[in-house]
Amino acid sequence: MVTRVILVRHGESTFNVERRVQGFLDESTLTAAGQAGAHQVGAALSEIAFDAVYSSPLRRAKDTAEIILSCLKQAPKSPFQTVETLKEINLMLWEGMLFKDVAQKYPDEFEQWNNRPHELRMTIPTDDGTRDYFPVLELYERAKRFWQEFLPNHAGKTVLLVAHSGINRALISTAIGLEPTGYQAVHQSNCGISVLNFAGGLDDTVQIESLNQTAHLGHPLPESKKNYSGPRLLLVRHGETDWNRQKRFQGQIDVPLNDNGRSQAEQAAAYLKQIPIRYAVTSPMLRPKETAEIILQHHPDVQLELEDNLREISHGLWEGKLESEIEAEFPGELQRWQTNPEAVQMPEGENLQQVWERAIAAWDAIVESAVNRPELGMTLVVAHDAINKAILCYVLGLGPANFWNFKQGNGAVSVIDYAGANSQPVLTCMNSTAHLDGGVLDKTAAGAL
């Protein structure tokens, strides 16, 4: 039984506009744009039958949740509730201040907040003197506690959570085992939608189906974080093939797109038509190369570069086979691939460490080129399921054991932003598929790699 959690950040607030620190402070309210965004989220989620809806008790989140509830065609099975553990990060010494004033008054702490959030320490007065408080570490403990209390009581349910940027990032991070060092590496836009699928508890498989979708707001791609003005890279998975549809392992067999895959590529092309793509790189295999060429029909001045290290994983003797055939010939290995992928050596093929090394070598070279180009511009990268998952793990500082934490649908778009050379990347959006069917859930074929 899969527990599906749809996670939404509240709409734009007055403090968001003023660039003030909010935290636990409950003085900000939704702007007109924030209310409109909440209605757009409600419209995007209106067809989904929720078993329960929870929100932070802070007004900006609670009001967003109530607007969304008013748009649902089917009332949730359980009454709407607010939950204290969904409150925003507690930045008690900064709350109500402008971010620019925080930077001036607390320069060392503000630098920690941006670059080493797990080290951020606030010294607060107590009856006995003072004590040190670590806001990000406390937030992660609270997020983990939320999941531990929530998951056993919602097995197999579909639940909506409406909260805040900080706690949402901590919830996503603790779900996949990302440490507090990666707090700033995951982005949450106002009214952005993320979807998480839990196979059980926190010790079981957790899949991020999508992260920070904003197409329902009229923004194909989310805006980057305020201080990120470096290169933006778009990571796209190729369109569907017949073997994807049949759940037949492809690997490095050069299977072309099918008609639906070409349609998906056309839809991705229309989705990205107005995006100022300046550079493009693809795996040389037929399915990503054709996907990239279709997308670039709207960007005729962009030259497509081929990168051999972006080829799909080699499944060796598994290639061309269905799961039933693999199980019959290699008993138990498919189960290991699905539970401990980092431990599997494909017969006469690759293991994930080998895939990691070449995928990351390719990605690092693409990023270095993007940073150093004389004219900055957006870079399109089109590749494969396993390659994209390796890149997404790498962007967040995760390894091969986290391979299954990320969904990559055919024709899906992800966005990675960099502040500049040697900066920590930010996963701004992941596996956005709304352009394929208009919905927030990924309905692409769940085929083999």
Protein backbone atom coordinates (compact mmCIF):
# COMPACT_ATOMS: atom_id res chain seq x y z
CA MET A 1 0.00 0.00 0.00
CA VAL A 2 1.46 3.33 -1.09
CA THR A 3 0.83 6.44 0.98
CA ARG A 4 0.68 9.46 -1.31
CA VAL A 5 1.46 12.86 0.22
CA ILE A 6 0.86 16.04 -1.77
CA LEU A 7 2.85 18.84 -0.21
CA VAL A 8 2.03 22.51 -0.89
CA ARG A 9 3.71 25.69 0.25
CA HIS A 10 1.40 28.53 1.28
CA GLY A 11 0.54 31.37 -1.09
CA GLU A 12 2.48 34.60 -1.30
CA SER A 13 2.32 36.54 1.97
CA THR A 14 2.81 40.18 2.91
CA PHE A 15 6.15 39.28 4.52
CA ASN A 16 7.25 37.44 1.36
CA VAL A 17 6.68 40.64 -0.62
CA GLU A 18 8.48 42.78 1.95
CA ARG A 19 11.36 40.25 2.16
CA ARG A 20 10.88 39.80 5.90
CA VAL A 21 11.72 36.75 7.99
CA GLN A 22 8.51 34.98 8.98
CA GLY A 23 9.30 31.83 10.93
CA PHE A 24 6.91 31.25 13.84
CA LEU A 25 5.68 34.85 13.65
CA ASP A 26 1.99 34.90 12.70
CA GLU A 27 1.63 38.51 11.56
CA SER A 28 1.74 38.11 7.79
CA THR A 29 -1.32 37.41 5.67
CA LEU A 30 -1.91 36.21 2.13
CA THR A 31 -1.67 38.87 -0.54
CA ALA A 32 -4.23 39.02 -3.36
CA ALA A 33 -1.70 37.11 -5.48
CA GLY A 34 -1.31 34.57 -2.66
CA GLN A 35 -5.06 34.01 -2.53
CA ALA A 36 -5.21 33.65 -6.32
CA GLY A 37 -2.36 31.14 -6.20
CA ALA A 38 -4.20 29.09 -3.58
CA HIS A 39 -7.26 28.99 -5.86
CA GLN A 40 -5.02 27.79 -8.71
CA VAL A 41 -3.65 25.01 -6.50
CA GLY A 42 -7.22 24.09 -5.59
CA ALA A 43 -8.16 23.88 -9.26
CA ALA A 44 -5.10 21.70 -9.99
CA LEU A 45 -5.99 19.33 -7.13
CA SER A 46 -9.77 19.48 -7.51
CA GLU A 47 -10.19 15.99 -9.00
CA ILE A 48 -8.09 14.21 -6.36
CA ALA A 49 -9.93 12.38 -3.56
CA PHE A 50 -8.10 13.16 -0.33
CA ASP A 51 -8.46 11.05 2.76
CA ALA A 52 -7.22 13.88 4.96
CA VAL A 53 -5.95 17.47 4.80
CA TYR A 54 -3.59 19.01 7.35
CA SER A 55 -1.88 22.39 7.58
CA SER A 56 0.33 24.47 9.78
CA PRO A 57 -1.75 26.56 12.23
CA LEU A 58 -0.03 29.77 11.05
CA ARG A 59 -2.50 31.94 9.14
CA ARG A 60 -0.71 32.07 5.81
CA ALA A 61 -0.74 28.25 5.57
CA LYS A 62 -4.15 27.69 7.17
CA ASP A 63 -5.82 30.23 4.87
CA THR A 64 -4.16 28.62 1.84
CA ALA A 65 -5.43 25.20 2.91
CA GLU A 66 -8.97 26.48 3.41
CA ILE A 67 -9.03 28.04 -0.07
CA ILE A 68 -7.78 24.76 -1.58
CA LEU A 69 -10.46 22.84 0.33
CA SER A 70 -13.15 25.13 -1.09
CA CYS A 71 -12.09 24.09 -4.62
CA LEU A 72 -12.11 20.31 -4.14
CA LYS A 73 -14.94 18.47 -5.86
CA GLN A 74 -14.96 15.81 -3.15
CA ALA A 75 -14.65 16.65 0.54
CA PRO A 76 -11.84 14.81 2.39
CA LYS A 77 -12.95 11.79 4.40
CA SER A 78 -11.52 13.27 7.62
CA PRO A 79 -12.10 16.80 8.99
CA PHE A 80 -9.45 19.41 8.20
CA GLN A 81 -6.90 19.78 11.02
CA THR A 82 -3.95 22.02 11.86
CA VAL A 83 -0.79 20.42 13.21
CA GLU A 84 1.81 22.21 15.35
CA THR A 85 4.71 20.19 13.92
CA LEU A 86 3.97 21.68 10.46
CA LYS A 87 4.85 25.21 11.63
CA GLU A 88 7.68 27.03 9.88
CA ILE A 89 11.31 27.01 11.07
CA ASN A 90 11.72 28.94 14.32
CA LEU A 91 14.12 31.83 13.65
CA MET A 92 13.21 33.63 16.84
CA LEU A 93 15.94 36.31 16.85
CA TRP A 94 15.31 37.30 13.22
CA GLU A 95 11.54 37.13 12.90
CA GLY A 96 9.92 40.30 11.61
CA MET A 97 13.24 41.69 10.36
CA LEU A 98 14.03 42.45 6.74
CA PHE A 99 16.49 39.93 5.31
CA LYS A 100 18.85 42.77 4.36
CA ASP A 101 18.85 43.95 8.00
CA VAL A 102 19.54 40.42 9.22
CA ALA A 103 22.53 40.30 6.89
CA GLN A 104 23.86 43.55 8.37
CA LYS A 105 23.16 42.81 12.05
CA TYR A 106 24.09 39.11 12.02
CA PRO A 107 26.64 38.78 9.17
CA ASP A 108 28.31 35.59 10.41
CA GLU A 109 25.06 33.84 11.20
CA PHE A 110 23.53 34.96 7.89
CA GLU A 111 26.51 33.51 6.02
CA GLN A 112 25.97 30.24 7.90
CA TRP A 113 22.27 30.33 6.99
CA ASN A 114 23.09 30.56 3.28
CA ASN A 115 26.09 28.25 3.10
CA ARG A 116 26.22 26.02 6.22
CA PRO A 117 22.63 26.01 7.54
CA HIS A 118 23.25 23.05 9.84
CA GLU A 119 25.77 25.20 11.75
CA LEU A 120 23.42 28.16 12.28
CA ARG A 121 23.33 28.86 16.01
CA MET A 122 21.31 31.41 17.94
CA THR A 123 22.11 32.28 21.55
CA ILE A 124 18.85 32.95 23.34
CA PRO A 125 18.18 34.18 26.88
CA THR A 126 16.75 31.81 29.49
CA ASP A 127 15.86 32.10 33.18
CA ASP A 128 19.26 30.62 33.99
CA GLY A 129 21.28 32.74 31.53
CA THR A 130 21.49 31.72 27.87
CA ARG A 131 21.38 28.61 25.71
CA ASP A 132 22.41 27.78 22.19
CA TYR A 133 19.66 26.92 19.72
CA PHE A 134 20.20 25.39 16.27
CA PRO A 135 17.11 26.27 14.16
CA VAL A 136 17.78 24.01 11.17
CA LEU A 137 18.73 20.99 13.28
CA GLU A 138 15.60 21.45 15.40
CA LEU A 139 13.49 21.74 12.24
CA TYR A 140 14.81 18.45 10.89
CA GLU A 141 14.10 16.68 14.17
CA ARG A 142 10.57 18.06 14.10
CA ALA A 143 10.09 16.95 10.48
CA LYS A 144 11.31 13.46 11.28
CA ARG A 145 8.98 13.32 14.28
CA PHE A 146 6.08 14.36 12.06
CA TRP A 147 6.69 11.48 9.64
CA GLN A 148 7.12 8.97 12.45
CA GLU A 149 3.76 9.96 13.92
CA PHE A 150 1.97 10.49 10.62
CA LEU A 151 2.89 7.50 8.46
CA PRO A 152 1.62 4.63 10.69
CA ASN A 153 -1.80 6.30 10.83
CA HIS A 154 -2.17 6.99 7.10
CA ALA A 155 -1.00 3.82 5.36
CA GLY A 156 -2.41 3.61 1.84
CA LYS A 157 -4.05 7.05 2.10
CA THR A 158 -3.82 10.16 -0.07
CA VAL A 159 -3.14 13.21 2.09
CA LEU A 160 -2.65 16.92 1.47
CA LEU A 161 -0.20 18.87 3.66
CA VAL A 162 -0.07 22.68 3.43
CA ALA A 163 2.85 24.30 5.20
CA HIS A 164 5.91 26.49 4.63
CA SER A 165 9.15 26.62 2.67
CA GLY A 166 11.44 25.56 5.51
CA ILE A 167 9.38 22.77 7.00
CA ASN A 168 8.49 21.47 3.52
CA ARG A 169 12.18 21.24 2.64
CA ALA A 170 12.87 19.45 5.92
CA LEU A 171 9.98 17.03 5.30
CA ILE A 172 11.25 16.21 1.82
CA SER A 173 14.82 15.88 3.06
CA THR A 174 14.07 13.61 6.01
CA ALA A 175 11.86 11.44 3.80
CA ILE A 176 14.82 10.57 1.54
CA GLY A 177 17.61 10.75 4.13
CA LEU A 178 19.08 14.09 3.05
CA GLU A 179 21.05 15.63 5.92
CA PRO A 180 20.54 19.22 7.19
CA THR A 181 23.63 20.23 5.19
CA GLY A 182 21.34 20.08 2.14
CA TYR A 183 18.64 22.35 3.59
CA GLN A 184 19.24 25.11 1.01
CA ALA A 185 19.55 22.65 -1.88
CA VAL A 186 15.80 22.04 -2.25
CA HIS A 187 13.51 24.86 -3.39
CA GLN A 188 9.87 25.52 -2.53
CA SER A 189 7.94 28.24 -4.37
CA ASN A 190 4.78 29.87 -3.06
CA CYS A 191 1.94 27.48 -4.00
CA GLY A 192 4.41 24.99 -5.47
CA ILE A 193 3.21 21.36 -5.44
CA SER A 194 5.37 18.35 -4.56
CA VAL A 195 4.30 14.70 -4.51
CA LEU A 196 5.85 12.00 -2.30
CA ASN A 197 5.06 8.28 -2.33
CA PHE A 198 5.80 6.18 0.77
CA ALA A 199 5.99 2.38 0.56
CA GLY A 200 5.76 2.21 4.36
CA GLY A 201 7.70 4.08 7.04
CA LEU A 202 10.84 6.18 6.82
CA ASP A 203 12.96 3.02 6.65
CA ASP A 204 11.11 1.85 3.53
CA THR A 205 11.32 3.18 -0.03
CA VAL A 206 10.26 6.81 -0.43
CA GLN A 207 9.89 8.24 -3.91
CA ILE A 208 9.73 11.91 -4.77
CA GLU A 209 7.32 11.75 -7.70
CA SER A 210 7.66 15.47 -8.32
CA LEU A 211 9.14 18.51 -6.63
CA ASN A 212 7.94 22.11 -6.71
CA GLN A 213 5.65 22.05 -9.73
CA THR A 214 4.39 25.51 -10.69
CA ALA A 215 2.78 24.99 -14.13
CA HIS A 216 -0.67 25.31 -12.52
CA LEU A 217 0.26 28.90 -11.61
CA GLY A 218 0.98 29.82 -15.21
CA HIS A 219 4.75 29.54 -14.67
CA PRO A 220 6.22 26.58 -16.60
CA LEU A 221 9.42 26.82 -14.55
CA PRO A 222 9.72 28.14 -11.00
CA GLU A 223 11.74 31.28 -10.40
CA SER A 224 15.20 30.64 -9.00
CA LYS A 225 16.12 31.56 -5.43
CA LYS A 226 16.65 35.29 -4.95
CA ASN A 227 20.45 35.07 -4.67
CA TYR A 228 20.92 32.61 -7.53
CA SER A 229 21.88 34.43 -10.72
CA GLY A 230 24.17 31.81 -12.26
CA PRO A 231 23.40 29.22 -14.91
CA ARG A 232 20.12 27.29 -15.04
CA LEU A 233 20.09 23.77 -16.45
CA LEU A 234 17.00 21.93 -17.65
CA LEU A 235 17.23 18.16 -17.28
CA VAL A 236 14.76 16.24 -19.47
CA ARG A 237 14.12 12.53 -19.85
CA HIS A 238 13.47 11.25 -23.37
CA GLY A 239 9.96 10.46 -24.58
CA GLU A 240 8.35 7.06 -24.43
CA THR A 241 9.48 4.04 -26.48
CA ASP A 242 7.63 0.81 -27.21
CA TRP A 243 9.93 -0.92 -24.77
CA ASN A 244 9.04 1.59 -22.03
CA ARG A 245 5.39 0.75 -22.65
CA GLN A 246 6.11 -3.00 -22.56
CA LYS A 247 8.31 -2.66 -19.44
CA ARG A 248 11.17 -4.22 -21.36
CA PHE A 249 14.71 -3.33 -20.23
CA GLN A 250 16.38 -1.09 -22.84
CA GLY A 251 19.72 -0.01 -21.46
CA GLN A 252 22.09 0.66 -24.33
CA ILE A 253 19.99 -0.98 -27.02
CA ASP A 254 19.14 1.94 -29.28
CA VAL A 255 15.34 1.85 -29.22
CA PRO A 256 13.69 4.87 -30.92
CA LEU A 257 10.73 6.90 -29.70
CA ASN A 258 7.26 5.59 -30.42
CA ASP A 259 4.41 7.85 -31.58
CA ASN A 260 3.45 8.67 -27.99
CA GLY A 261 7.09 9.48 -27.22
CA ARG A 262 7.21 11.92 -30.13
CA SER A 263 3.97 13.46 -28.89
CA GLN A 264 5.52 13.83 -25.43
CA ALA A 265 8.56 15.50 -26.97
CA GLU A 266 6.27 17.86 -28.89
CA GLN A 267 4.44 18.69 -25.65
CA ALA A 268 7.74 19.34 -23.89
CA ALA A 269 8.75 21.52 -26.83
CA ALA A 270 5.57 23.61 -26.53
CA TYR A 271 6.08 23.82 -22.74
CA LEU A 272 9.62 25.14 -23.19
CA LYS A 273 8.93 27.21 -26.32
CA GLN A 274 9.17 30.55 -24.52
CA ILE A 275 12.09 29.52 -22.31
CA PRO A 276 15.35 31.17 -23.49
CA ILE A 277 17.40 28.03 -24.15
CA ARG A 278 20.87 28.95 -25.44
CA TYR A 279 22.75 25.64 -25.26
CA ALA A 280 21.81 21.97 -25.51
CA VAL A 281 23.49 18.64 -24.78
CA THR A 282 22.10 15.14 -25.28
CA SER A 283 22.98 11.49 -25.03
CA PRO A 284 23.79 10.33 -28.58
CA MET A 285 21.21 7.51 -28.39
CA LEU A 286 18.16 7.76 -30.66
CA ARG A 287 15.46 8.32 -28.04
CA PRO A 288 17.01 11.33 -26.22
CA LYS A 289 18.54 12.78 -29.36
CA GLU A 290 15.19 12.87 -31.17
CA THR A 291 13.54 14.30 -28.04
CA ALA A 292 16.13 17.08 -27.94
CA GLU A 293 15.77 17.79 -31.67
CA ILE A 294 12.00 18.14 -31.35
CA ILE A 295 12.37 20.53 -28.39
CA LEU A 296 14.93 22.60 -30.30
CA GLN A 297 12.61 23.11 -33.27
CA HIS A 298 11.49 26.22 -31.39
CA HIS A 299 15.13 27.24 -30.77
CA PRO A 300 16.69 26.98 -34.25
CA ASP A 301 19.85 28.90 -33.33
CA VAL A 302 20.86 26.38 -30.65
CA GLN A 303 23.45 23.80 -31.67
CA LEU A 304 22.91 20.34 -30.18
CA GLU A 305 26.01 18.77 -28.65
CA LEU A 306 26.40 15.00 -28.11
CA GLU A 307 27.87 13.63 -24.87
CA ASP A 308 28.69 9.91 -24.87
CA ASN A 309 28.86 9.72 -21.06
CA LEU A 310 25.13 10.47 -20.96
CA ARG A 311 24.29 7.09 -22.52
CA GLU A 312 21.84 4.97 -20.52
CA ILE A 313 23.06 2.33 -18.06
CA SER A 314 24.22 -0.91 -19.67
CA HIS A 315 21.99 -3.69 -18.37
CA GLY A 316 24.14 -6.28 -20.15
CA LEU A 317 22.31 -9.61 -20.45
CA TRP A 318 19.09 -8.07 -19.09
CA GLU A 319 18.63 -5.88 -22.15
CA GLY A 320 15.66 -6.74 -24.30
CA LYS A 321 14.07 -8.80 -21.52
CA LEU A 322 10.89 -8.41 -19.47
CA GLU A 323 10.98 -8.61 -15.68
CA SER A 324 9.54 -12.15 -15.73
CA GLU A 325 12.31 -13.29 -18.07
CA ILE A 326 15.00 -11.69 -15.90
CA GLU A 327 13.62 -13.34 -12.76
CA ALA A 328 13.59 -16.74 -14.47
CA GLU A 329 17.17 -16.40 -15.70
CA PHE A 330 18.67 -14.49 -12.77
CA PRO A 331 16.52 -15.41 -9.73
CA GLY A 332 16.55 -12.83 -6.94
CA GLU A 333 18.63 -10.25 -8.80
CA LEU A 334 15.66 -8.15 -9.91
CA GLN A 335 14.49 -7.90 -6.30
CA ARG A 336 17.98 -6.76 -5.28
CA TRP A 337 17.94 -4.17 -8.08
CA GLN A 338 14.65 -2.83 -6.78
CA THR A 339 15.73 -2.68 -3.12
CA ASN A 340 19.55 -2.33 -3.10
CA PRO A 341 20.47 -1.07 -6.57
CA GLU A 342 23.95 0.00 -5.51
CA ALA A 343 24.83 -3.66 -4.79
CA VAL A 344 23.91 -5.05 -8.23
CA GLN A 345 26.40 -5.79 -10.96
CA MET A 346 24.52 -6.16 -14.24
CA PRO A 347 25.68 -9.39 -15.94
CA GLU A 348 28.06 -8.30 -18.71
CA GLY A 349 26.89 -4.73 -18.02
CA GLU A 350 27.50 -1.91 -15.55
CA ASN A 351 26.96 -1.33 -11.86
CA LEU A 352 25.61 1.97 -10.53
CA GLN A 353 29.02 3.19 -9.41
CA GLN A 354 30.24 3.00 -13.00
CA VAL A 355 27.12 4.84 -14.18
CA TRP A 356 27.64 7.44 -11.45
CA GLU A 357 31.22 8.14 -12.46
CA ARG A 358 30.46 8.83 -16.11
CA ALA A 359 27.15 10.64 -15.50
CA ILE A 360 28.77 12.97 -12.97
CA ALA A 361 31.81 13.52 -15.19
CA ALA A 362 29.44 14.59 -17.96
CA TRP A 363 27.35 16.79 -15.66
CA ASP A 364 30.38 18.52 -14.12
CA ALA A 365 31.73 19.28 -17.60
CA ILE A 366 28.35 20.67 -18.70
CA VAL A 367 28.09 22.87 -15.59
CA GLU A 368 31.66 24.11 -15.95
CA SER A 369 30.97 25.00 -19.56
CA ALA A 370 27.72 26.76 -18.55
CA VAL A 371 29.49 28.82 -15.89
CA ASN A 372 32.36 29.83 -18.16
CA ARG A 373 30.54 30.57 -21.41
CA PRO A 374 31.06 34.17 -22.58
CA GLU A 375 27.29 34.56 -22.83
CA LEU A 376 25.27 33.12 -19.97
CA GLY A 377 22.19 31.21 -20.97
CA MET A 378 20.00 28.28 -20.11
CA THR A 379 21.30 24.80 -20.98
CA LEU A 380 19.04 21.93 -21.99
CA VAL A 381 20.27 18.42 -21.12
CA VAL A 382 18.33 15.41 -22.45
CA ALA A 383 19.21 11.94 -21.23
CA HIS A 384 17.79 8.77 -19.67
CA ASP A 385 16.12 7.50 -16.51
CA ALA A 386 19.19 6.09 -14.76
CA ILE A 387 21.49 8.90 -15.89
CA ASN A 388 19.02 11.57 -14.75
CA LYS A 389 18.53 9.87 -11.39
CA ALA A 390 22.30 9.76 -10.88
CA ILE A 391 22.54 13.48 -11.65
CA LEU A 392 19.66 14.36 -9.32
CA CYS A 393 21.22 12.37 -6.49
CA TYR A 394 24.56 14.08 -7.11
CA VAL A 395 23.00 17.55 -7.11
CA LEU A 396 21.67 16.88 -3.59
CA GLY A 397 24.84 15.20 -2.34
CA LEU A 398 23.32 11.70 -2.33
CA GLY A 399 24.78 8.45 -3.64
CA PRO A 400 23.72 5.31 -5.53
CA ALA A 401 21.75 3.95 -2.54
CA ASN A 402 19.26 6.81 -3.13
CA PHE A 403 18.70 5.85 -6.78
CA TRP A 404 15.00 5.00 -6.37
CA ASN A 405 14.16 8.17 -4.42
CA PHE A 406 13.55 10.08 -7.66
CA LYS A 407 10.90 9.55 -10.35
CA GLN A 408 11.76 10.39 -13.95
CA GLY A 409 8.78 10.19 -16.27
CA ASN A 410 9.13 10.15 -20.05
CA GLY A 411 9.24 13.76 -21.25
CA ALA A 412 9.54 15.13 -17.68
CA VAL A 413 11.41 18.37 -16.97
CA SER A 414 13.63 19.12 -13.96
CA VAL A 415 15.40 22.40 -13.15
CA ILE A 416 18.77 22.84 -11.41
CA ASP A 417 20.11 26.31 -10.57
CA TYR A 418 23.62 27.47 -9.71
CA ALA A 419 24.62 30.73 -8.05
CA GLY A 420 27.96 30.60 -9.84
CA ALA A 421 31.17 28.60 -10.04
CA ASN A 422 31.70 26.17 -7.13
CA SER A 423 28.31 27.06 -5.61
CA GLN A 424 25.94 24.53 -4.13
CA PRO A 425 23.33 23.67 -6.75
CA VAL A 426 19.63 23.99 -5.98
CA LEU A 427 17.06 21.48 -7.16
CA THR A 428 14.38 24.01 -8.10
CA CYS A 429 11.92 21.64 -9.78
CA MET A 430 11.93 17.90 -10.40
CA ASN A 431 9.91 15.65 -12.72
CA SER A 432 7.35 18.19 -13.85
CA THR A 433 4.92 16.39 -16.19
CA ALA A 434 1.93 18.77 -16.16
CA HIS A 435 2.61 19.66 -19.81
CA LEU A 436 1.90 16.05 -20.81
CA ASP A 437 -1.64 15.71 -19.44
CA GLY A 438 -2.41 18.87 -17.50
CA GLY A 439 -2.36 17.16 -14.10
CA VAL A 440 0.00 17.23 -11.13
CA LEU A 441 0.44 13.45 -10.99
CA ASP A 442 2.91 11.63 -13.26
CA LYS A 443 0.89 9.33 -15.53
CA THR A 444 3.74 8.36 -17.85
CA ALA A 445 4.54 4.67 -18.43
CA ALA A 446 6.28 3.16 -15.42
CA GLY A 447 8.45 1.02 -17.67
CA ALA A 448 11.87 -0.49 -17.13
CA LEU A 449 14.97 1.64 -17.62
